[in-house]
Amino acid sequence: PSELAAARRDMSPEEYDQEFECSFSAAILGAYFGREVAAAEASGRVRALAYDPGYPVYTGWDLGYNDPTIIWFVQIIDGEVRWFDYYRNRGFGLDHYADMVKDKGYRYAGHYLPHDVEHHEIGSGIARVAVLKGHGLEVRVAPFLPIDDGIEALRRLLRRSVFDGERCADGLNALRHYRSEWDERRGVFVRQPLHDWASHAADAARSFALGFENRSRLTPSSTEESAESAYDV
């Protein structure tokens, strides 16, 4: 026991679980959300979920072209944050994603996108937010805050989140692997996320978390206001 206690003092929780608990689901070293994902799995919050037409749907986006575009679909039901659907694709324009979202047939209350949605597309000169609004989507731009604020906002949501284990499997795996960069020279993690395959799903989830948590700063339509007051968290 004394040796284990000493190990706990000297090692991170992830290292201890891997080394002494033989855990193959322990968080990836340097991961931002690994512990929250592991807790969700251990407590049965990764399971089959279905769309409930009685509640509105929110989406969280990360836009890409050469990089993938990610869209999470979320409902808030009885205080649970339910991530019930997930979409990933690349090489398509905004028209494709807007049509896909509408074709799902869900009843939406807001689409949360990162601040760069206000940038203009090369060639057309039209702001991307205008393109999406032209397709009838109620776009909300997530606040442009430090990345640490977004990470903390998402952590707060993940602690009471439920995921569809099949449709959201790829996104959940990305959240598990989203981690800090490693400085080889100094042998430490730096306070900057690693940009890799996992970062896009995490960025989309962070857009939703930041936007939804700070929605009082935004200006939703009257329809959205009534929907949110009925299903507030």
Protein backbone atom coordinates (compact mmCIF):
# COMPACT_ATOMS: atom_id res chain seq x y z
CA PRO A 1 0.00 0.00 0.00
CA SER A 2 2.77 2.45 0.80
CA GLU A 3 4.39 1.85 -2.60
CA LEU A 4 1.07 2.39 -4.35
CA ALA A 5 0.50 5.59 -2.39
CA ALA A 6 3.94 6.83 -3.42
CA ALA A 7 3.19 5.96 -7.04
CA ARG A 8 -0.05 7.92 -6.89
CA ARG A 9 1.87 10.96 -5.70
CA ASP A 10 4.50 10.69 -8.44
CA MET A 11 2.32 9.72 -11.42
CA SER A 12 -0.62 11.25 -13.21
CA PRO A 13 -3.99 9.48 -12.72
CA GLU A 14 -3.75 8.22 -16.31
CA GLU A 15 -0.27 6.78 -15.81
CA TYR A 16 -1.30 5.12 -12.54
CA ASP A 17 -4.38 3.50 -14.08
CA GLN A 18 -2.38 2.14 -17.00
CA GLU A 19 0.53 0.89 -14.91
CA PHE A 20 -1.14 -0.48 -11.77
CA GLU A 21 -4.80 -0.98 -12.66
CA CYS A 22 -4.11 -2.61 -16.05
CA SER A 23 -6.55 -0.17 -17.60
CA PHE A 24 -6.64 -0.11 -21.38
CA SER A 25 -9.37 2.54 -21.34
CA ALA A 26 -7.44 5.00 -19.20
CA ALA A 27 -7.14 8.48 -20.62
CA ILE A 28 -4.45 9.16 -23.18
CA LEU A 29 -1.53 11.02 -21.61
CA GLY A 30 -2.03 14.73 -22.09
CA ALA A 31 -5.69 14.24 -23.07
CA TYR A 32 -8.09 17.05 -22.24
CA PHE A 33 -11.28 15.00 -22.02
CA GLY A 34 -10.05 11.46 -21.43
CA ARG A 35 -11.20 11.29 -17.83
CA GLU A 36 -14.67 12.63 -18.68
CA VAL A 37 -15.06 10.11 -21.51
CA ALA A 38 -13.85 7.24 -19.30
CA ALA A 39 -16.32 8.30 -16.59
CA ALA A 40 -19.17 8.36 -19.12
CA GLU A 41 -18.31 4.84 -20.26
CA ALA A 42 -17.93 3.50 -16.72
CA SER A 43 -21.28 4.93 -15.60
CA GLY A 44 -23.28 3.62 -18.56
CA ARG A 45 -23.65 7.00 -20.27
CA VAL A 46 -22.54 5.56 -23.61
CA ARG A 47 -25.53 3.68 -24.92
CA ALA A 48 -28.14 3.63 -27.68
CA LEU A 49 -29.99 6.94 -28.02
CA ALA A 50 -32.84 7.96 -30.27
CA TYR A 51 -33.95 11.34 -31.53
CA ASP A 52 -36.87 12.61 -29.45
CA PRO A 53 -39.12 14.83 -31.61
CA GLY A 54 -40.52 16.42 -28.47
CA TYR A 55 -37.28 18.30 -27.83
CA PRO A 56 -35.29 20.68 -30.04
CA VAL A 57 -31.92 19.78 -31.53
CA TYR A 58 -28.75 21.85 -31.39
CA THR A 59 -25.68 21.35 -33.53
CA GLY A 60 -21.99 22.11 -33.04
CA TRP A 61 -19.75 22.55 -36.09
CA ASP A 62 -16.14 22.68 -37.14
CA LEU A 63 -15.73 23.79 -40.74
CA GLY A 64 -13.15 22.37 -43.10
CA TYR A 65 -12.51 21.67 -46.76
CA ASN A 66 -9.19 19.90 -47.01
CA ASP A 67 -9.70 19.10 -43.33
CA PRO A 68 -12.95 17.36 -42.42
CA THR A 69 -16.11 19.19 -41.45
CA ILE A 70 -17.66 17.81 -38.26
CA ILE A 71 -21.21 18.29 -36.99
CA TRP A 72 -22.52 17.04 -33.64
CA PHE A 73 -26.28 16.76 -33.00
CA VAL A 74 -27.37 17.33 -29.40
CA GLN A 75 -30.58 17.37 -27.37
CA ILE A 76 -31.05 18.52 -23.76
CA ILE A 77 -33.54 16.23 -22.01
CA ASP A 78 -34.19 16.14 -18.27
CA GLY A 79 -30.88 17.84 -17.59
CA GLU A 80 -28.89 15.37 -19.70
CA VAL A 81 -26.81 16.58 -22.63
CA ARG A 82 -27.51 13.90 -25.25
CA TRP A 83 -25.05 13.66 -28.15
CA PHE A 84 -27.18 11.40 -30.31
CA ASP A 85 -25.87 11.89 -33.86
CA TYR A 86 -22.60 12.79 -35.59
CA TYR A 87 -21.52 13.62 -39.14
CA ARG A 88 -18.06 13.81 -40.67
CA ASN A 89 -17.10 14.48 -44.29
CA ARG A 90 -14.61 16.41 -46.36
CA GLY A 91 -14.22 17.99 -49.77
CA PHE A 92 -17.72 19.47 -49.99
CA GLY A 93 -18.99 23.03 -49.91
CA LEU A 94 -21.37 24.51 -47.38
CA ASP A 95 -24.39 23.73 -49.54
CA HIS A 96 -23.81 20.02 -48.98
CA TYR A 97 -23.70 20.31 -45.19
CA ALA A 98 -26.70 22.64 -45.01
CA ASP A 99 -28.77 20.23 -47.10
CA MET A 100 -27.62 17.24 -45.05
CA VAL A 101 -28.65 18.95 -41.81
CA LYS A 102 -32.09 19.80 -43.18
CA ASP A 103 -32.56 16.31 -44.67
CA LYS A 104 -32.17 14.81 -41.20
CA GLY A 105 -35.67 16.06 -40.46
CA TYR A 106 -34.85 17.18 -36.92
CA ARG A 107 -36.49 20.18 -35.24
CA TYR A 108 -33.64 22.61 -34.67
CA ALA A 109 -33.27 25.37 -32.11
CA GLY A 110 -29.82 26.63 -33.10
CA HIS A 111 -26.62 25.81 -34.98
CA TYR A 112 -23.40 26.79 -33.16
CA LEU A 113 -20.37 27.49 -35.33
CA PRO A 114 -16.88 28.85 -34.63
CA HIS A 115 -16.07 32.50 -35.19
CA ASP A 116 -14.39 31.81 -38.55
CA VAL A 117 -17.84 31.19 -40.07
CA GLU A 118 -17.94 34.96 -40.48
CA HIS A 119 -14.95 34.85 -42.85
CA HIS A 120 -15.61 35.24 -46.55
CA GLU A 121 -15.21 32.35 -48.95
CA ILE A 122 -12.41 32.64 -51.47
CA GLY A 123 -13.86 33.10 -54.93
CA SER A 124 -17.42 34.10 -54.08
CA GLY A 125 -16.49 36.73 -51.50
CA ILE A 126 -19.60 35.77 -49.53
CA ALA A 127 -19.39 35.20 -45.81
CA ARG A 128 -19.92 31.56 -44.90
CA VAL A 129 -22.48 32.51 -42.30
CA ALA A 130 -24.52 34.18 -45.04
CA VAL A 131 -24.41 31.01 -47.15
CA LEU A 132 -25.75 28.91 -44.28
CA LYS A 133 -28.42 31.44 -43.39
CA GLY A 134 -29.41 31.47 -47.05
CA HIS A 135 -30.27 27.80 -46.63
CA GLY A 136 -32.57 28.64 -43.75
CA LEU A 137 -30.27 27.65 -40.89
CA GLU A 138 -30.42 29.65 -37.66
CA VAL A 139 -26.68 30.18 -37.22
CA ARG A 140 -25.16 31.33 -33.96
CA VAL A 141 -21.50 32.23 -33.78
CA ALA A 142 -19.78 30.89 -30.68
CA PRO A 143 -17.92 33.54 -28.65
CA PHE A 144 -14.27 34.03 -29.61
CA LEU A 145 -12.74 33.16 -26.25
CA PRO A 146 -9.37 31.66 -25.23
CA ILE A 147 -9.17 27.97 -26.06
CA ASP A 148 -8.85 27.09 -22.37
CA ASP A 149 -12.30 28.62 -21.79
CA GLY A 150 -13.78 26.39 -24.47
CA ILE A 151 -12.08 23.31 -23.05
CA GLU A 152 -13.47 24.03 -19.58
CA ALA A 153 -16.94 24.72 -20.98
CA LEU A 154 -16.91 21.36 -22.77
CA ARG A 155 -15.64 19.56 -19.66
CA ARG A 156 -18.60 20.92 -17.72
CA LEU A 157 -21.03 19.58 -20.32
CA LEU A 158 -19.28 16.21 -20.62
CA ARG A 159 -19.77 15.52 -16.91
CA ARG A 160 -23.51 15.27 -17.55
CA SER A 161 -23.45 14.04 -21.12
CA VAL A 162 -24.77 10.85 -22.69
CA PHE A 163 -23.55 9.56 -26.07
CA ASP A 164 -25.00 7.24 -28.66
CA GLY A 165 -22.40 4.48 -28.67
CA GLU A 166 -22.80 3.61 -32.34
CA ARG A 167 -23.52 6.80 -34.27
CA CYS A 168 -21.14 8.89 -32.15
CA ALA A 169 -18.39 6.27 -31.81
CA ASP A 170 -15.91 8.12 -34.03
CA GLY A 171 -16.53 11.45 -32.35
CA LEU A 172 -16.27 9.95 -28.89
CA ASN A 173 -12.97 8.33 -29.81
CA ALA A 174 -11.71 11.69 -31.04
CA LEU A 175 -12.66 13.35 -27.76
CA ARG A 176 -10.77 10.62 -25.93
CA HIS A 177 -7.60 11.30 -27.97
CA TYR A 178 -7.71 15.11 -28.11
CA ARG A 179 -4.55 16.12 -26.27
CA SER A 180 -1.80 18.66 -25.68
CA GLU A 181 1.26 18.94 -27.84
CA TRP A 182 4.42 17.29 -26.49
CA ASP A 183 7.64 19.28 -26.37
CA GLU A 184 10.34 16.72 -27.14
CA ARG A 185 13.19 19.03 -26.19
CA ARG A 186 11.89 19.88 -22.72
CA GLY A 187 10.05 16.60 -22.17
CA VAL A 188 6.77 18.28 -21.17
CA PHE A 189 3.29 18.87 -22.50
CA VAL A 190 2.67 22.43 -23.65
CA ARG A 191 -0.54 24.41 -23.19
CA GLN A 192 -1.55 24.04 -26.80
CA PRO A 193 -3.75 21.35 -28.36
CA LEU A 194 -2.20 19.02 -30.90
CA HIS A 195 -3.73 19.57 -34.34
CA ASP A 196 -4.40 16.07 -35.65
CA TRP A 197 -7.31 13.83 -36.67
CA ALA A 198 -8.93 14.16 -33.23
CA SER A 199 -8.93 17.95 -33.06
CA HIS A 200 -11.78 18.57 -35.52
CA ALA A 201 -14.41 16.65 -33.54
CA ALA A 202 -13.21 18.32 -30.34
CA ASP A 203 -13.39 21.76 -31.96
CA ALA A 204 -16.97 21.11 -33.11
CA ALA A 205 -17.98 19.95 -29.64
CA ARG A 206 -16.26 22.98 -28.14
CA SER A 207 -18.20 25.30 -30.49
CA PHE A 208 -21.43 23.86 -29.16
CA ALA A 209 -20.31 24.03 -25.52
CA LEU A 210 -19.15 27.65 -25.77
CA GLY A 211 -22.14 28.79 -27.76
CA PHE A 212 -24.73 27.03 -25.66
CA GLU A 213 -23.17 28.07 -22.36
CA ASN A 214 -22.93 31.71 -23.48
CA ARG A 215 -26.21 31.87 -25.40
CA SER A 216 -27.40 34.81 -23.31
CA ARG A 217 -24.78 36.88 -25.17
CA LEU A 218 -26.27 35.92 -28.52
CA THR A 219 -29.44 37.10 -30.21
CA PRO A 220 -31.66 34.12 -31.04
CA SER A 221 -35.00 34.53 -32.73
CA SER A 222 -38.17 34.58 -30.63
CA THR A 223 -38.89 30.98 -31.65
CA GLU A 224 -35.52 29.84 -30.36
CA GLU A 225 -35.96 31.81 -27.14
CA SER A 226 -39.22 30.02 -26.37
CA ALA A 227 -37.67 26.64 -27.18
CA GLU A 228 -34.72 27.22 -24.90
CA SER A 229 -36.81 28.50 -22.00
CA ALA A 230 -38.78 25.26 -22.12
CA TYR A 231 -35.75 22.99 -22.20
CA ASP A 232 -33.12 25.00 -20.35
CA VAL A 233 -30.39 23.24 -18.39
